[in-house]
């Protein structure tokens, strides 16, 4: 049986820990991401999540999972470093892709 891909749209806003975070795909955030060679970034003080508009669908899905882990970690009692978040994000992304689930831009 061929595995069909389920595409889950990344919402314009997402509530994490009782706070609404705005999701951005725009030129201004794109410059900031390119400067630091990143696919995504959370700015807690602005309650914003930015993503690279040039990222491949797979990279965008991985970046979304990665940034959601940062937000979940912020609302827990654990402080995980970037390496751990990166490993967990890549692992979850691989699992989701194998299950045919991908997060995509609306």
PDB file of N, CA and C in Angstrom:
ATOM      1  N   UNK A   1       0.845  -1.187   0.000  1.00  0.00           N
ATOM      2  CA  UNK A   1       0.000   0.000   0.000  1.00  0.00           C
ATOM      3  C   UNK A   1       0.883   1.240   0.000  1.00  0.00           C
ATOM      4  N   UNK A   2       0.584   2.169  -0.874  1.00  0.00           N
ATOM      5  CA  UNK A   2       1.348   3.407  -0.970  1.00  0.00           C
ATOM      6  C   UNK A   2       0.974   4.322   0.192  1.00  0.00           C
ATOM      7  N   UNK A   3       1.997   4.865   0.838  1.00  0.00           N
ATOM      8  CA  UNK A   3       1.794   5.768   1.967  1.00  0.00           C
ATOM      9  C   UNK A   3       1.424   7.146   1.430  1.00  0.00           C
ATOM     10  N   UNK A   4       0.225   7.621   1.739  1.00  0.00           N
ATOM     11  CA  UNK A   4      -0.154   8.958   1.292  1.00  0.00           C
ATOM     12  C   UNK A   4       0.310   9.977   2.332  1.00  0.00           C
ATOM     13  N   UNK A   5       0.607  11.155   1.882  1.00  0.00           N
ATOM     14  CA  UNK A   5       1.110  12.215   2.750  1.00  0.00           C
ATOM     15  C   UNK A   5      -0.048  13.036   3.299  1.00  0.00           C
ATOM     16  N   UNK A   6      -0.092  13.157   4.603  1.00  0.00           N
ATOM     17  CA  UNK A   6      -1.078  14.008   5.259  1.00  0.00           C
ATOM     18  C   UNK A   6      -0.376  15.332   5.548  1.00  0.00           C
ATOM     19  N   UNK A   7      -0.855  16.398   4.940  1.00  0.00           N
ATOM     20  CA  UNK A   7      -0.262  17.715   5.141  1.00  0.00           C
ATOM     21  C   UNK A   7      -1.085  18.494   6.154  1.00  0.00           C
ATOM     22  N   UNK A   8      -0.449  18.882   7.247  1.00  0.00           N
ATOM     23  CA  UNK A   8      -1.108  19.648   8.297  1.00  0.00           C
ATOM     24  C   UNK A   8      -0.656  21.099   8.171  1.00  0.00           C
ATOM     25  N   UNK A   9      -1.587  22.008   7.890  1.00  0.00           N
ATOM     26  CA  UNK A   9      -1.197  23.417   7.737  1.00  0.00           C
ATOM     27  C   UNK A   9      -0.682  24.009   9.055  1.00  0.00           C
ATOM     28  N   UNK A  10       0.407  24.749   8.946  1.00  0.00           N
ATOM     29  CA  UNK A  10       0.926  25.498  10.093  1.00  0.00           C
ATOM     30  C   UNK A  10      -0.010  26.691  10.274  1.00  0.00           C
ATOM     31  N   UNK A  11      -0.604  26.833  11.466  1.00  0.00           N
ATOM     32  CA  UNK A  11      -1.585  27.910  11.650  1.00  0.00           C
ATOM     33  C   UNK A  11      -0.931  29.289  11.697  1.00  0.00           C
ATOM     34  N   UNK A  12      -1.743  30.315  11.509  1.00  0.00           N
ATOM     35  CA  UNK A  12      -1.249  31.700  11.589  1.00  0.00           C
ATOM     36  C   UNK A  12      -0.909  32.087  13.008  1.00  0.00           C
ATOM     37  N   UNK A  13      -1.595  31.482  13.982  1.00  0.00           N
ATOM     38  CA  UNK A  13      -1.274  31.653  15.398  1.00  0.00           C
ATOM     39  C   UNK A  13      -1.396  30.291  16.067  1.00  0.00           C
ATOM     40  N   UNK A  14      -0.614  30.118  17.133  1.00  0.00           N
ATOM     41  CA  UNK A  14      -0.667  28.873  17.890  1.00  0.00           C
ATOM     42  C   UNK A  14      -0.561  29.209  19.371  1.00  0.00           C
ATOM     43  N   UNK A  15      -1.401  28.569  20.169  1.00  0.00           N
ATOM     44  CA  UNK A  15      -1.419  28.835  21.608  1.00  0.00           C
ATOM     45  C   UNK A  15      -0.555  27.784  22.302  1.00  0.00           C
ATOM     46  N   UNK A  16       0.449  28.261  23.021  1.00  0.00           N
ATOM     47  CA  UNK A  16       1.350  27.407  23.793  1.00  0.00           C
ATOM     48  C   UNK A  16       1.446  27.998  25.193  1.00  0.00           C
ATOM     49  N   UNK A  17       1.171  27.191  26.193  1.00  0.00           N
ATOM     50  CA  UNK A  17       1.270  27.662  27.571  1.00  0.00           C
ATOM     51  C   UNK A  17       0.381  28.846  27.873  1.00  0.00           C
ATOM     52  N   UNK A  18      -0.782  28.899  27.211  1.00  0.00           N
ATOM     53  CA  UNK A  18      -1.715  29.994  27.446  1.00  0.00           C
ATOM     54  C   UNK A  18      -1.406  31.270  26.689  1.00  0.00           C
ATOM     55  N   UNK A  19      -0.333  31.277  25.889  1.00  0.00           N
ATOM     56  CA  UNK A  19       0.048  32.466  25.110  1.00  0.00           C
ATOM     57  C   UNK A  19      -0.143  32.202  23.626  1.00  0.00           C
ATOM     58  N   UNK A  20      -0.664  33.202  22.919  1.00  0.00           N
ATOM     59  CA  UNK A  20      -0.805  33.106  21.468  1.00  0.00           C
ATOM     60  C   UNK A  20       0.476  33.588  20.804  1.00  0.00           C
ATOM     61  N   UNK A  21       1.068  32.720  19.998  1.00  0.00           N
ATOM     62  CA  UNK A  21       2.259  33.070  19.225  1.00  0.00           C
ATOM     63  C   UNK A  21       1.846  33.254  17.773  1.00  0.00           C
ATOM     64  N   UNK A  22       2.267  34.362  17.191  1.00  0.00           N
ATOM     65  CA  UNK A  22       1.998  34.641  15.771  1.00  0.00           C
ATOM     66  C   UNK A  22       3.066  33.951  14.929  1.00  0.00           C
ATOM     67  N   UNK A  23       2.642  33.297  13.856  1.00  0.00           N
ATOM     68  CA  UNK A  23       3.561  32.616  12.942  1.00  0.00           C
ATOM     69  C   UNK A  23       3.842  33.544  11.772  1.00  0.00           C
ATOM     70  N   UNK A  24       5.137  33.723  11.476  1.00  0.00           N
ATOM     71  CA  UNK A  24       5.542  34.659  10.421  1.00  0.00           C
ATOM     72  C   UNK A  24       6.292  33.951   9.296  1.00  0.00           C
ATOM     73  N   UNK A  25       5.921  34.301   8.081  1.00  0.00           N
ATOM     74  CA  UNK A  25       6.630  33.947   6.855  1.00  0.00           C
ATOM     75  C   UNK A  25       6.739  35.246   6.078  1.00  0.00           C
ATOM     76  N   UNK A  26       7.740  36.069   6.339  1.00  0.00           N
ATOM     77  CA  UNK A  26       7.825  37.362   5.665  1.00  0.00           C
ATOM     78  C   UNK A  26       9.280  37.754   5.417  1.00  0.00           C
ATOM     79  N   UNK A  27       9.460  38.810   4.618  1.00  0.00           N
ATOM     80  CA  UNK A  27      10.798  39.241   4.203  1.00  0.00           C
ATOM     81  C   UNK A  27      11.660  39.690   5.380  1.00  0.00           C
ATOM     82  N   UNK A  28      11.061  40.390   6.334  1.00  0.00           N
ATOM     83  CA  UNK A  28      11.840  40.878   7.478  1.00  0.00           C
ATOM     84  C   UNK A  28      12.396  39.722   8.309  1.00  0.00           C
ATOM     85  N   UNK A  29      11.541  38.791   8.650  1.00  0.00           N
ATOM     86  CA  UNK A  29      12.025  37.651   9.439  1.00  0.00           C
ATOM     87  C   UNK A  29      12.955  36.786   8.602  1.00  0.00           C
ATOM     88  N   UNK A  30      12.733  36.739   7.298  1.00  0.00           N
ATOM     89  CA  UNK A  30      13.599  35.967   6.401  1.00  0.00           C
ATOM     90  C   UNK A  30      15.045  36.468   6.473  1.00  0.00           C
ATOM     91  N   UNK A  31      15.224  37.794   6.496  1.00  0.00           N
ATOM     92  CA  UNK A  31      16.579  38.364   6.588  1.00  0.00           C
ATOM     93  C   UNK A  31      17.262  37.941   7.885  1.00  0.00           C
ATOM     94  N   UNK A  32      16.523  37.992   8.991  1.00  0.00           N
ATOM     95  CA  UNK A  32      17.077  37.604  10.290  1.00  0.00           C
ATOM     96  C   UNK A  32      17.468  36.131  10.299  1.00  0.00           C
ATOM     97  N   UNK A  33      16.626  35.279   9.731  1.00  0.00           N
ATOM     98  CA  UNK A  33      16.918  33.847   9.699  1.00  0.00           C
ATOM     99  C   UNK A  33      18.128  33.547   8.818  1.00  0.00           C
ATOM    100  N   UNK A  34      18.189  34.173   7.652  1.00  0.00           N
ATOM    101  CA  UNK A  34      19.317  33.946   6.733  1.00  0.00           C
ATOM    102  C   UNK A  34      20.628  34.400   7.364  1.00  0.00           C
ATOM    103  N   UNK A  35      20.589  35.509   8.102  1.00  0.00           N
ATOM    104  CA  UNK A  35      21.790  36.038   8.755  1.00  0.00           C
ATOM    105  C   UNK A  35      22.377  35.009   9.714  1.00  0.00           C
ATOM    106  N   UNK A  36      21.529  34.285  10.417  1.00  0.00           N
ATOM    107  CA  UNK A  36      21.976  33.284  11.387  1.00  0.00           C
ATOM    108  C   UNK A  36      21.950  31.861  10.831  1.00  0.00           C
ATOM    109  N   UNK A  37      21.656  31.692   9.539  1.00  0.00           N
ATOM    110  CA  UNK A  37      21.568  30.378   8.891  1.00  0.00           C
ATOM    111  C   UNK A  37      20.614  29.442   9.631  1.00  0.00           C
ATOM    112  N   UNK A  38      19.395  29.932   9.871  1.00  0.00           N
ATOM    113  CA  UNK A  38      18.381  29.125  10.562  1.00  0.00           C
ATOM    114  C   UNK A  38      17.147  28.971   9.686  1.00  0.00           C
ATOM    115  N   UNK A  39      16.363  27.920   9.971  1.00  0.00           N
ATOM    116  CA  UNK A  39      15.099  27.686   9.267  1.00  0.00           C
ATOM    117  C   UNK A  39      13.919  28.190  10.067  1.00  0.00           C
ATOM    118  N   UNK A  40      14.128  28.423  11.360  1.00  0.00           N
ATOM    119  CA  UNK A  40      13.050  28.904  12.199  1.00  0.00           C
ATOM    120  C   UNK A  40      13.587  29.532  13.467  1.00  0.00           C
ATOM    121  N   UNK A  41      12.733  30.299  14.127  1.00  0.00           N
ATOM    122  CA  UNK A  41      13.161  31.002  15.340  1.00  0.00           C
ATOM    123  C   UNK A  41      11.930  31.416  16.141  1.00  0.00           C
ATOM    124  N   UNK A  42      12.039  31.293  17.470  1.00  0.00           N
ATOM    125  CA  UNK A  42      11.000  31.795  18.370  1.00  0.00           C
ATOM    126  C   UNK A  42      11.536  33.041  19.049  1.00  0.00           C
ATOM    127  N   UNK A  43      10.728  34.108  19.067  1.00  0.00           N
ATOM    128  CA  UNK A  43      11.054  35.311  19.827  1.00  0.00           C
ATOM    129  C   UNK A  43       9.975  35.421  20.906  1.00  0.00           C
ATOM    130  N   UNK A  44      10.343  34.974  22.109  1.00  0.00           N
ATOM    131  CA  UNK A  44       9.367  34.911  23.193  1.00  0.00           C
ATOM    132  C   UNK A  44       8.839  36.290  23.578  1.00  0.00           C
ATOM    133  N   UNK A  45       9.700  37.306  23.564  1.00  0.00           N
ATOM    134  CA  UNK A  45       9.276  38.646  23.982  1.00  0.00           C
ATOM    135  C   UNK A  45       8.214  39.234  23.050  1.00  0.00           C
ATOM    136  N   UNK A  46       8.207  38.800  21.788  1.00  0.00           N
ATOM    137  CA  UNK A  46       7.213  39.275  20.819  1.00  0.00           C
ATOM    138  C   UNK A  46       6.106  38.254  20.580  1.00  0.00           C
ATOM    139  N   UNK A  47       6.242  37.071  21.194  1.00  0.00           N
ATOM    140  CA  UNK A  47       5.322  35.961  20.972  1.00  0.00           C
ATOM    141  C   UNK A  47       5.174  35.687  19.469  1.00  0.00           C
ATOM    142  N   UNK A  48       6.331  35.495  18.824  1.00  0.00           N
ATOM    143  CA  UNK A  48       6.375  35.242  17.386  1.00  0.00           C
ATOM    144  C   UNK A  48       7.246  34.031  17.081  1.00  0.00           C
ATOM    145  N   UNK A  49       6.850  33.330  16.030  1.00  0.00           N
ATOM    146  CA  UNK A  49       7.631  32.225  15.485  1.00  0.00           C
ATOM    147  C   UNK A  49       7.831  32.546  14.010  1.00  0.00           C
ATOM    148  N   UNK A  50       9.084  32.577  13.574  1.00  0.00           N
ATOM    149  CA  UNK A  50       9.392  32.889  12.180  1.00  0.00           C
ATOM    150  C   UNK A  50       9.958  31.662  11.495  1.00  0.00           C
ATOM    151  N   UNK A  51       9.622  31.523  10.212  1.00  0.00           N
ATOM    152  CA  UNK A  51      10.137  30.409   9.425  1.00  0.00           C
ATOM    153  C   UNK A  51      10.709  30.905   8.108  1.00  0.00           C
ATOM    154  N   UNK A  52      11.700  30.176   7.604  1.00  0.00           N
ATOM    155  CA  UNK A  52      12.369  30.475   6.343  1.00  0.00           C
ATOM    156  C   UNK A  52      11.407  30.200   5.190  1.00  0.00           C
ATOM    157  N   UNK A  53      11.109  31.222   4.400  1.00  0.00           N
ATOM    158  CA  UNK A  53      10.171  31.059   3.288  1.00  0.00           C
ATOM    159  C   UNK A  53      10.774  30.246   2.139  1.00  0.00           C
ATOM    160  N   UNK A  54      12.104  30.071   2.137  1.00  0.00           N
ATOM    161  CA  UNK A  54      12.764  29.306   1.080  1.00  0.00           C
ATOM    162  C   UNK A  54      13.046  27.861   1.482  1.00  0.00           C
ATOM    163  N   UNK A  55      12.681  27.471   2.705  1.00  0.00           N
ATOM    164  CA  UNK A  55      12.955  26.110   3.162  1.00  0.00           C
ATOM    165  C   UNK A  55      12.143  25.103   2.353  1.00  0.00           C
ATOM    166  N   UNK A  56      12.742  23.952   2.089  1.00  0.00           N
ATOM    167  CA  UNK A  56      12.005  22.883   1.416  1.00  0.00           C
ATOM    168  C   UNK A  56      10.861  22.427   2.326  1.00  0.00           C
ATOM    169  N   UNK A  57       9.872  21.759   1.772  1.00  0.00           N
ATOM    170  CA  UNK A  57       8.764  21.283   2.618  1.00  0.00           C
ATOM    171  C   UNK A  57       9.235  20.421   3.793  1.00  0.00           C
ATOM    172  N   UNK A  58      10.230  19.563   3.556  1.00  0.00           N
ATOM    173  CA  UNK A  58      10.748  18.729   4.635  1.00  0.00           C
ATOM    174  C   UNK A  58      11.441  19.568   5.698  1.00  0.00           C
ATOM    175  N   UNK A  59      12.258  20.527   5.293  1.00  0.00           N
ATOM    176  CA  UNK A  59      12.961  21.396   6.243  1.00  0.00           C
ATOM    177  C   UNK A  59      11.986  22.252   7.040  1.00  0.00           C
ATOM    178  N   UNK A  60      10.950  22.739   6.381  1.00  0.00           N
ATOM    179  CA  UNK A  60       9.954  23.541   7.083  1.00  0.00           C
ATOM    180  C   UNK A  60       9.252  22.697   8.144  1.00  0.00           C
ATOM    181  N   UNK A  61       8.880  21.486   7.802  1.00  0.00           N
ATOM    182  CA  UNK A  61       8.217  20.609   8.766  1.00  0.00           C
ATOM    183  C   UNK A  61       9.139  20.312   9.944  1.00  0.00           C
ATOM    184  N   UNK A  62      10.404  20.046   9.658  1.00  0.00           N
ATOM    185  CA  UNK A  62      11.375  19.808  10.729  1.00  0.00           C
ATOM    186  C   UNK A  62      11.543  21.054  11.606  1.00  0.00           C
ATOM    187  N   UNK A  63      11.612  22.227  10.972  1.00  0.00           N
ATOM    188  CA  UNK A  63      11.766  23.476  11.728  1.00  0.00           C
ATOM    189  C   UNK A  63      10.545  23.731  12.606  1.00  0.00           C
ATOM    190  N   UNK A  64       9.349  23.432  12.103  1.00  0.00           N
ATOM    191  CA  UNK A  64       8.142  23.622  12.896  1.00  0.00           C
ATOM    192  C   UNK A  64       8.180  22.740  14.149  1.00  0.00           C
ATOM    193  N   UNK A  65       8.525  21.476  13.979  1.00  0.00           N
ATOM    194  CA  UNK A  65       8.618  20.566  15.119  1.00  0.00           C
ATOM    195  C   UNK A  65       9.673  21.070  16.104  1.00  0.00           C
ATOM    196  N   UNK A  66      10.813  21.504  15.593  1.00  0.00           N
ATOM    197  CA  UNK A  66      11.908  22.018  16.429  1.00  0.00           C
ATOM    198  C   UNK A  66      11.438  23.212  17.271  1.00  0.00           C
ATOM    199  N   UNK A  67      10.780  24.163  16.637  1.00  0.00           N
ATOM    200  CA  UNK A  67      10.333  25.356  17.365  1.00  0.00           C
ATOM    201  C   UNK A  67       9.220  25.021  18.351  1.00  0.00           C
ATOM    202  N   UNK A  68       8.364  24.054  18.027  1.00  0.00           N
ATOM    203  CA  UNK A  68       7.329  23.630  18.976  1.00  0.00           C
ATOM    204  C   UNK A  68       7.972  22.987  20.209  1.00  0.00           C
ATOM    205  N   UNK A  69       9.069  22.268  20.014  1.00  0.00           N
ATOM    206  CA  UNK A  69       9.788  21.699  21.159  1.00  0.00           C
ATOM    207  C   UNK A  69      10.346  22.805  22.049  1.00  0.00           C
ATOM    208  N   UNK A  70      10.879  23.863  21.443  1.00  0.00           N
ATOM    209  CA  UNK A  70      11.354  25.002  22.242  1.00  0.00           C
ATOM    210  C   UNK A  70      10.218  25.595  23.074  1.00  0.00           C
ATOM    211  N   UNK A  71       9.053  25.746  22.463  1.00  0.00           N
ATOM    212  CA  UNK A  71       7.921  26.317  23.186  1.00  0.00           C
ATOM    213  C   UNK A  71       7.430  25.382  24.282  1.00  0.00           C
ATOM    214  N   UNK A  72       7.385  24.098  24.007  1.00  0.00           N
ATOM    215  CA  UNK A  72       6.964  23.135  25.031  1.00  0.00           C
ATOM    216  C   UNK A  72       7.971  23.105  26.173  1.00  0.00           C
ATOM    217  N   UNK A  73       9.248  23.164  25.843  1.00  0.00           N
ATOM    218  CA  UNK A  73      10.309  23.149  26.852  1.00  0.00           C
ATOM    219  C   UNK A  73      10.228  24.382  27.739  1.00  0.00           C
ATOM    220  N   UNK A  74       9.897  25.506  27.160  1.00  0.00           N
ATOM    221  CA  UNK A  74       9.791  26.754  27.932  1.00  0.00           C
ATOM    222  C   UNK A  74       8.684  26.662  28.984  1.00  0.00           C
ATOM    223  N   UNK A  75       7.682  25.859  28.715  1.00  0.00           N
ATOM    224  CA  UNK A  75       6.563  25.708  29.628  1.00  0.00           C
ATOM    225  C   UNK A  75       6.693  24.481  30.536  1.00  0.00           C
ATOM    226  N   UNK A  76       7.870  23.901  30.577  1.00  0.00           N
ATOM    227  CA  UNK A  76       8.112  22.768  31.463  1.00  0.00           C
ATOM    228  C   UNK A  76       9.127  23.180  32.520  1.00  0.00           C
ATOM    229  N   UNK A  77       9.470  22.255  33.365  1.00  0.00           N
ATOM    230  CA  UNK A  77      10.459  22.544  34.401  1.00  0.00           C
ATOM    231  C   UNK A  77      11.864  22.127  33.981  1.00  0.00           C
ATOM    232  N   UNK A  78      12.013  21.696  32.743  1.00  0.00           N
ATOM    233  CA  UNK A  78      13.312  21.260  32.238  1.00  0.00           C
ATOM    234  C   UNK A  78      13.919  22.320  31.325  1.00  0.00           C
ATOM    235  N   UNK A  79      15.229  22.484  31.427  1.00  0.00           N
ATOM    236  CA  UNK A  79      15.960  23.349  30.494  1.00  0.00           C
ATOM    237  C   UNK A  79      16.781  22.447  29.593  1.00  0.00           C
ATOM    238  N   UNK A  80      16.372  22.344  28.341  1.00  0.00           N
ATOM    239  CA  UNK A  80      17.081  21.509  27.378  1.00  0.00           C
ATOM    240  C   UNK A  80      17.940  22.399  26.489  1.00  0.00           C
ATOM    241  N   UNK A  81      19.171  21.964  26.241  1.00  0.00           N
ATOM    242  CA  UNK A  81      20.013  22.785  25.377  1.00  0.00           C
ATOM    243  C   UNK A  81      19.670  22.563  23.908  1.00  0.00           C
ATOM    244  N   UNK A  82      20.224  23.399  23.057  1.00  0.00           N
ATOM    245  CA  UNK A  82      19.901  23.389  21.626  1.00  0.00           C
ATOM    246  C   UNK A  82      20.220  22.044  20.972  1.00  0.00           C
ATOM    247  N   UNK A  83      21.294  21.399  21.402  1.00  0.00           N
ATOM    248  CA  UNK A  83      21.648  20.094  20.823  1.00  0.00           C
ATOM    249  C   UNK A  83      20.560  19.059  21.084  1.00  0.00           C
ATOM    250  N   UNK A  84      20.042  19.038  22.298  1.00  0.00           N
ATOM    251  CA  UNK A  84      18.988  18.080  22.642  1.00  0.00           C
ATOM    252  C   UNK A  84      17.717  18.385  21.848  1.00  0.00           C
ATOM    253  N   UNK A  85      17.337  19.663  21.803  1.00  0.00           N
ATOM    254  CA  UNK A  85      16.151  20.057  21.022  1.00  0.00           C
ATOM    255  C   UNK A  85      16.339  19.665  19.561  1.00  0.00           C
ATOM    256  N   UNK A  86      17.540  19.897  19.022  1.00  0.00           N
ATOM    257  CA  UNK A  86      17.823  19.540  17.630  1.00  0.00           C
ATOM    258  C   UNK A  86      17.682  18.051  17.377  1.00  0.00           C
ATOM    259  N   UNK A  87      18.222  17.244  18.278  1.00  0.00           N
ATOM    260  CA  UNK A  87      18.131  15.781  18.113  1.00  0.00           C
ATOM    261  C   UNK A  87      16.692  15.300  18.223  1.00  0.00           C
ATOM    262  N   UNK A  88      15.979  15.801  19.224  1.00  0.00           N
ATOM    263  CA  UNK A  88      14.574  15.415  19.374  1.00  0.00           C
ATOM    264  C   UNK A  88      13.751  15.851  18.164  1.00  0.00           C
ATOM    265  N   UNK A  89      13.993  17.070  17.696  1.00  0.00           N
ATOM    266  CA  UNK A  89      13.265  17.587  16.537  1.00  0.00           C
ATOM    267  C   UNK A  89      13.503  16.755  15.294  1.00  0.00           C
ATOM    268  N   UNK A  90      14.775  16.416  15.029  1.00  0.00           N
ATOM    269  CA  UNK A  90      15.085  15.587  13.856  1.00  0.00           C
ATOM    270  C   UNK A  90      14.447  14.209  13.982  1.00  0.00           C
ATOM    271  N   UNK A  91      14.525  13.639  15.178  1.00  0.00           N
ATOM    272  CA  UNK A  91      13.941  12.321  15.387  1.00  0.00           C
ATOM    273  C   UNK A  91      12.427  12.320  15.198  1.00  0.00           C
ATOM    274  N   UNK A  92      11.759  13.303  15.792  1.00  0.00           N
ATOM    275  CA  UNK A  92      10.300  13.392  15.620  1.00  0.00           C
ATOM    276  C   UNK A  92       9.927  13.664  14.172  1.00  0.00           C
ATOM    277  N   UNK A  93      10.720  14.496  13.513  1.00  0.00           N
ATOM    278  CA  UNK A  93      10.463  14.774  12.093  1.00  0.00           C
ATOM    279  C   UNK A  93      10.571  13.483  11.280  1.00  0.00           C
ATOM    280  N   UNK A  94      11.592  12.685  11.536  1.00  0.00           N
ATOM    281  CA  UNK A  94      11.765  11.420  10.810  1.00  0.00           C
ATOM    282  C   UNK A  94      10.590  10.482  11.045  1.00  0.00           C
ATOM    283  N   UNK A  95      10.142  10.414  12.288  1.00  0.00           N
ATOM    284  CA  UNK A  95       8.985   9.566  12.613  1.00  0.00           C
ATOM    285  C   UNK A  95       7.745  10.058  11.866  1.00  0.00           C
ATOM    286  N   UNK A  96       7.500  11.365  11.919  1.00  0.00           N
ATOM    287  CA  UNK A  96       6.326  11.931  11.255  1.00  0.00           C
ATOM    288  C   UNK A  96       6.377  11.687   9.742  1.00  0.00           C
ATOM    289  N   UNK A  97       7.545  11.879   9.135  1.00  0.00           N
ATOM    290  CA  UNK A  97       7.670  11.641   7.691  1.00  0.00           C
ATOM    291  C   UNK A  97       7.393  10.170   7.364  1.00  0.00           C
ATOM    292  N   UNK A  98       7.922   9.255   8.187  1.00  0.00           N
ATOM    293  CA  UNK A  98       7.680   7.830   7.959  1.00  0.00           C
ATOM    294  C   UNK A  98       6.196   7.484   8.080  1.00  0.00           C
ATOM    295  N   UNK A  99       5.499   8.206   8.947  1.00  0.00           N
ATOM    296  CA  UNK A  99       4.055   7.989   9.113  1.00  0.00           C
ATOM    297  C   UNK A  99       3.250   8.733   8.041  1.00  0.00           C
ATOM    298  N   UNK A 100       3.936   9.525   7.226  1.00  0.00           N
ATOM    299  CA  UNK A 100       3.254  10.254   6.156  1.00  0.00           C
ATOM    300  C   UNK A 100       2.611  11.549   6.633  1.00  0.00           C
ATOM    301  N   UNK A 101       3.192  12.164   7.683  1.00  0.00           N
ATOM    302  CA  UNK A 101       2.640  13.399   8.234  1.00  0.00           C
ATOM    303  C   UNK A 101       3.674  14.512   8.071  1.00  0.00           C
ATOM    304  N   UNK A 102       3.233  15.635   7.505  1.00  0.00           N
ATOM    305  CA  UNK A 102       4.133  16.770   7.304  1.00  0.00           C
ATOM    306  C   UNK A 102       3.402  18.065   7.632  1.00  0.00           C
ATOM    307  N   UNK A 103       4.112  18.974   8.307  1.00  0.00           N
ATOM    308  CA  UNK A 103       3.573  20.300   8.570  1.00  0.00           C
ATOM    309  C   UNK A 103       3.946  21.210   7.412  1.00  0.00           C
ATOM    310  N   UNK A 104       2.970  21.938   6.878  1.00  0.00           N
ATOM    311  CA  UNK A 104       3.187  22.739   5.671  1.00  0.00           C
ATOM    312  C   UNK A 104       2.680  24.166   5.880  1.00  0.00           C
ATOM    313  N   UNK A 105       3.184  25.044   5.056  1.00  0.00           N
ATOM    314  CA  UNK A 105       2.731  26.444   5.077  1.00  0.00           C
ATOM    315  C   UNK A 105       1.319  26.522   4.515  1.00  0.00           C
ATOM    316  N   UNK A 106       0.464  27.321   5.170  1.00  0.00           N
ATOM    317  CA  UNK A 106      -0.927  27.505   4.714  1.00  0.00           C
ATOM    318  C   UNK A 106      -0.951  28.141   3.345  1.00  0.00           C
TER     319      UNK A 106
END
